N, C-alpha and C. Protein backbone atom coordinates (compact mmCIF):
# COMPACT_ATOMS: atom_id res chain seq x y z
N MET A 1 119.62 147.56 51.17
CA MET A 1 119.43 146.83 52.45
C MET A 1 120.47 145.93 52.53
N SER A 2 121.72 146.53 53.75
CA SER A 2 122.89 145.70 54.05
C SER A 2 122.14 144.11 54.37
N ALA A 3 123.07 143.29 54.12
CA ALA A 3 122.80 141.59 53.87
C ALA A 3 122.56 141.51 55.17
N ARG A 4 123.37 142.02 56.22
CA ARG A 4 123.55 141.71 57.94
C ARG A 4 122.22 142.15 58.24
N LYS A 5 121.53 143.06 57.98
CA LYS A 5 120.53 143.50 58.73
C LYS A 5 118.97 142.47 58.91
N LYS A 6 118.65 142.57 60.48
CA LYS A 6 117.98 141.49 60.51
C LYS A 6 116.30 141.98 59.98
N LEU A 7 115.54 140.75 59.29
CA LEU A 7 114.36 141.02 58.28
C LEU A 7 113.60 140.78 59.70
N SER A 8 112.59 141.79 58.63
CA SER A 8 110.88 141.54 59.41
C SER A 8 110.44 140.16 59.10
N GLU A 9 109.54 140.00 60.02
CA GLU A 9 108.15 138.31 59.57
C GLU A 9 107.88 138.33 58.18
N ASP A 10 107.16 139.02 57.77
CA ASP A 10 107.06 139.60 56.20
C ASP A 10 108.02 139.29 55.35
N GLU A 11 109.35 139.86 55.34
CA GLU A 11 110.40 139.53 54.34
C GLU A 11 110.55 138.18 54.82
N ILE A 12 111.02 137.82 55.75
CA ILE A 12 111.11 136.09 55.54
C ILE A 12 110.25 135.13 55.40
N GLU A 13 109.28 135.26 55.34
CA GLU A 13 107.97 134.46 54.95
C GLU A 13 107.87 134.79 53.14
N SER A 14 108.31 135.76 52.72
CA SER A 14 108.28 136.19 51.11
C SER A 14 109.16 135.86 50.59
N ARG A 15 110.78 135.66 51.83
CA ARG A 15 111.79 135.01 50.83
C ARG A 15 111.99 133.25 50.93
N LEU A 16 110.72 133.12 51.79
CA LEU A 16 110.84 131.03 52.43
C LEU A 16 110.20 130.91 51.31
N ARG A 17 109.43 131.26 50.56
CA ARG A 17 108.52 131.09 49.59
C ARG A 17 109.31 130.58 48.42
N ASP A 18 110.78 131.12 48.47
CA ASP A 18 111.21 131.09 46.93
C ASP A 18 112.32 129.87 47.53
N LEU A 19 112.39 128.75 48.68
CA LEU A 19 113.26 128.03 49.06
C LEU A 19 112.82 127.00 49.06
N PRO A 20 112.55 125.88 48.19
CA PRO A 20 111.82 124.89 48.50
C PRO A 20 112.73 123.70 49.27
N GLY A 21 112.45 123.07 49.93
CA GLY A 21 113.09 122.02 50.72
C GLY A 21 113.75 123.03 52.04
N TRP A 22 113.45 124.31 52.34
CA TRP A 22 113.59 125.11 53.65
C TRP A 22 112.52 125.16 54.23
N SER A 23 112.61 124.99 55.78
CA SER A 23 111.83 125.57 56.69
C SER A 23 112.44 126.46 57.57
N ARG A 24 112.02 127.11 58.71
CA ARG A 24 112.02 128.01 59.28
C ARG A 24 111.89 127.35 60.76
N ALA A 25 112.83 127.19 61.88
CA ALA A 25 113.15 126.74 62.70
C ALA A 25 113.73 127.92 63.97
N GLY A 26 112.37 128.82 64.55
CA GLY A 26 112.23 129.61 65.49
C GLY A 26 112.76 130.58 64.67
N ASP A 27 114.61 131.33 64.70
CA ASP A 27 114.89 132.18 64.18
C ASP A 27 116.10 131.63 63.52
N LYS A 28 115.81 130.44 62.55
CA LYS A 28 116.86 129.99 61.54
C LYS A 28 116.17 128.98 60.83
N LEU A 29 116.54 128.86 59.32
CA LEU A 29 116.48 128.65 58.18
C LEU A 29 117.15 127.04 58.68
N HIS A 30 116.37 126.50 58.20
CA HIS A 30 116.37 124.56 58.63
C HIS A 30 116.04 124.28 57.16
N ARG A 31 117.54 122.77 57.10
CA ARG A 31 117.23 121.49 55.87
C ARG A 31 117.64 120.30 56.38
N GLU A 32 117.74 119.08 55.91
CA GLU A 32 117.91 117.88 56.07
C GLU A 32 117.84 117.59 55.10
N LEU A 33 119.16 116.96 54.55
CA LEU A 33 119.67 116.43 53.60
C LEU A 33 120.10 115.39 53.66
N ARG A 34 119.76 114.09 52.56
CA ARG A 34 120.13 113.08 52.59
C ARG A 34 121.03 112.48 51.21
N PHE A 35 121.80 111.65 51.68
CA PHE A 35 122.61 111.24 50.29
C PHE A 35 122.98 109.82 50.37
N PRO A 36 123.43 109.41 49.27
CA PRO A 36 123.56 107.85 48.82
C PRO A 36 124.58 107.11 49.92
N ASP A 37 125.39 108.00 50.57
CA ASP A 37 126.55 107.62 51.70
C ASP A 37 126.85 108.55 52.29
N PHE A 38 128.14 108.24 52.99
CA PHE A 38 128.78 109.04 53.60
C PHE A 38 129.78 110.25 52.66
N PRO A 39 130.42 109.00 52.06
CA PRO A 39 131.19 110.28 50.96
C PRO A 39 130.71 111.25 50.19
N THR A 40 129.76 111.25 49.64
CA THR A 40 128.96 111.94 48.91
C THR A 40 128.11 112.83 49.83
N ALA A 41 128.09 112.39 51.02
CA ALA A 41 127.47 113.72 52.13
C ALA A 41 128.86 114.39 52.01
N PHE A 42 129.64 114.03 52.44
CA PHE A 42 131.12 114.62 53.20
C PHE A 42 131.60 115.37 51.51
N ALA A 43 131.37 115.26 50.65
CA ALA A 43 131.69 115.87 49.71
C ALA A 43 130.98 117.18 49.45
N PHE A 44 129.67 116.69 49.66
CA PHE A 44 128.71 118.11 49.23
C PHE A 44 128.92 118.95 50.75
N MET A 45 129.70 118.93 51.46
CA MET A 45 129.63 120.05 53.04
C MET A 45 131.08 120.42 52.52
N THR A 46 132.39 119.80 51.56
CA THR A 46 133.11 120.47 51.83
C THR A 46 133.17 121.78 50.14
N ARG A 47 132.25 121.07 49.59
CA ARG A 47 132.13 122.43 48.67
C ARG A 47 131.06 123.35 49.20
N VAL A 48 130.25 123.15 50.20
CA VAL A 48 129.43 124.24 50.63
C VAL A 48 130.28 125.22 51.58
N ALA A 49 131.50 124.35 52.07
CA ALA A 49 132.49 125.02 52.74
C ALA A 49 132.66 126.34 52.16
N PHE A 50 133.49 125.79 51.30
CA PHE A 50 133.98 126.44 50.13
C PHE A 50 132.94 128.12 49.87
N VAL A 51 132.31 128.03 50.02
CA VAL A 51 131.13 129.18 49.44
C VAL A 51 131.33 129.76 50.63
N ALA A 52 130.42 129.23 51.67
CA ALA A 52 130.28 129.61 53.03
C ALA A 52 131.71 130.19 53.56
N GLU A 53 132.42 130.26 53.55
CA GLU A 53 133.91 131.01 53.63
C GLU A 53 134.47 132.01 52.40
N ARG A 54 134.09 131.79 51.57
CA ARG A 54 133.54 133.11 50.39
C ARG A 54 132.78 134.24 50.90
N MET A 55 131.60 133.49 51.15
CA MET A 55 130.67 134.56 51.82
C MET A 55 130.34 134.99 53.20
N ASP A 56 131.69 134.73 53.95
CA ASP A 56 131.99 135.15 55.39
C ASP A 56 131.04 134.69 56.38
N HIS A 57 129.87 133.97 55.92
CA HIS A 57 128.80 133.69 56.68
C HIS A 57 128.97 131.67 56.60
N HIS A 58 128.99 131.55 57.79
CA HIS A 58 128.93 129.69 58.24
C HIS A 58 128.08 129.12 59.17
N PRO A 59 127.51 128.13 57.95
CA PRO A 59 126.43 127.23 58.52
C PRO A 59 126.97 126.57 60.50
N ASP A 60 125.41 126.48 60.66
CA ASP A 60 125.64 125.56 61.98
C ASP A 60 125.20 124.33 61.71
N TRP A 61 126.07 122.99 61.49
CA TRP A 61 125.42 121.84 60.53
C TRP A 61 126.27 120.64 61.87
N SER A 62 125.33 119.95 61.19
CA SER A 62 125.78 118.20 61.34
C SER A 62 125.87 117.37 60.52
N ASN A 63 126.63 116.11 60.22
CA ASN A 63 126.80 115.42 59.14
C ASN A 63 126.75 113.96 60.01
N VAL A 64 125.78 112.85 59.94
CA VAL A 64 125.40 111.71 60.72
C VAL A 64 125.57 110.59 59.13
N TYR A 65 126.20 109.84 58.92
CA TYR A 65 126.55 109.37 57.89
C TYR A 65 125.97 109.75 56.50
N ASN A 66 124.76 109.39 55.84
CA ASN A 66 124.70 110.28 54.92
C ASN A 66 123.84 111.21 54.73
N ARG A 67 123.33 111.83 56.31
CA ARG A 67 122.52 112.86 56.50
C ARG A 67 123.57 114.30 56.99
N VAL A 68 123.01 115.30 56.42
CA VAL A 68 123.48 116.33 56.65
C VAL A 68 122.66 117.71 56.96
N THR A 69 122.38 118.22 58.56
CA THR A 69 121.39 118.77 58.97
C THR A 69 121.72 119.90 58.91
N ILE A 70 121.19 121.17 58.20
CA ILE A 70 122.07 122.81 58.18
C ILE A 70 120.79 123.32 58.99
N ASP A 71 121.54 124.39 59.41
CA ASP A 71 120.25 125.61 60.08
C ASP A 71 121.66 126.96 59.88
N LEU A 72 120.56 127.90 59.42
CA LEU A 72 121.20 129.11 58.94
C LEU A 72 120.47 130.62 60.13
N GLN A 73 121.77 131.24 60.79
CA GLN A 73 121.04 132.43 61.39
C GLN A 73 122.45 133.44 61.15
N THR A 74 121.78 134.47 61.25
CA THR A 74 123.02 135.59 61.36
C THR A 74 123.22 136.06 62.90
N HIS A 75 124.21 135.54 63.40
CA HIS A 75 124.01 135.81 64.81
C HIS A 75 124.25 136.96 65.67
N ASP A 76 124.86 138.10 64.65
CA ASP A 76 125.42 139.40 65.62
C ASP A 76 123.80 140.07 64.87
N VAL A 77 122.96 139.31 64.44
CA VAL A 77 121.64 140.66 64.22
C VAL A 77 120.79 139.73 65.20
N GLY A 78 121.01 138.41 65.72
CA GLY A 78 120.16 137.57 66.62
C GLY A 78 118.77 137.03 65.41
N GLY A 79 119.06 136.71 64.29
CA GLY A 79 117.90 136.31 63.51
C GLY A 79 118.54 136.08 62.20
N LEU A 80 117.56 136.08 61.00
CA LEU A 80 117.59 135.83 60.07
C LEU A 80 117.60 136.96 58.97
N SER A 81 118.42 137.12 58.29
CA SER A 81 119.46 137.86 57.41
C SER A 81 119.37 137.73 56.20
N GLN A 82 119.33 138.93 55.28
CA GLN A 82 119.48 138.50 53.59
C GLN A 82 120.82 137.12 53.45
N LEU A 83 121.53 137.67 54.06
CA LEU A 83 122.90 136.76 54.13
C LEU A 83 122.29 135.04 54.47
N ASP A 84 121.53 134.82 55.14
CA ASP A 84 121.16 133.38 55.45
C ASP A 84 120.36 133.13 54.12
N PHE A 85 119.56 133.90 53.39
CA PHE A 85 118.62 133.31 52.30
C PHE A 85 119.48 133.24 50.85
N ASP A 86 120.97 133.83 51.30
CA ASP A 86 121.50 134.00 50.17
C ASP A 86 122.62 132.34 50.03
N LEU A 87 122.53 132.40 51.28
CA LEU A 87 123.98 131.21 51.45
C LEU A 87 122.64 129.78 51.47
N ALA A 88 121.33 129.84 51.51
CA ALA A 88 120.29 129.09 51.49
C ALA A 88 120.27 128.58 50.09
N ALA A 89 120.23 129.73 49.25
CA ALA A 89 120.13 129.25 47.67
C ALA A 89 121.42 129.05 47.23
N GLU A 90 122.53 129.54 47.57
CA GLU A 90 123.56 128.55 47.29
C GLU A 90 123.52 127.35 47.44
N ILE A 91 123.27 126.79 48.68
CA ILE A 91 123.06 125.15 49.48
C ILE A 91 122.41 124.39 48.33
N SER A 92 121.21 124.94 48.42
CA SER A 92 120.30 124.00 47.02
C SER A 92 121.09 124.31 45.79
N ARG A 93 121.45 125.10 45.29
CA ARG A 93 121.89 124.69 43.95
C ARG A 93 123.02 123.66 44.18
N ILE A 94 123.97 123.79 44.94
CA ILE A 94 124.93 122.71 45.11
C ILE A 94 124.67 121.70 45.19
N HIS A 95 123.30 121.26 45.83
CA HIS A 95 122.61 120.42 46.03
C HIS A 95 122.03 119.48 44.54
N GLY A 96 121.28 120.80 44.24
CA GLY A 96 120.72 120.18 43.05
C GLY A 96 119.65 119.71 42.99
């Protein structure tokens, strides 16, 4: 299966069960994280940025002080693909 193929509803629900802390917000995977302070949040984002670049899949995210909000979607398929779940798993691994 291509990592950039739109997943079915059943595939999405099945994969989501393996991603604690992540939820579905429409056609996106969503997670909000809090850190002790801004430098820690920014360092986390930097680590994720290198992984996202290597995967050629980039999050829609924002940072306000110690909070990082992340949304993942494969725009060229108009929904969620395996690539979103792979990146979400890497983000969870980095977050610890």
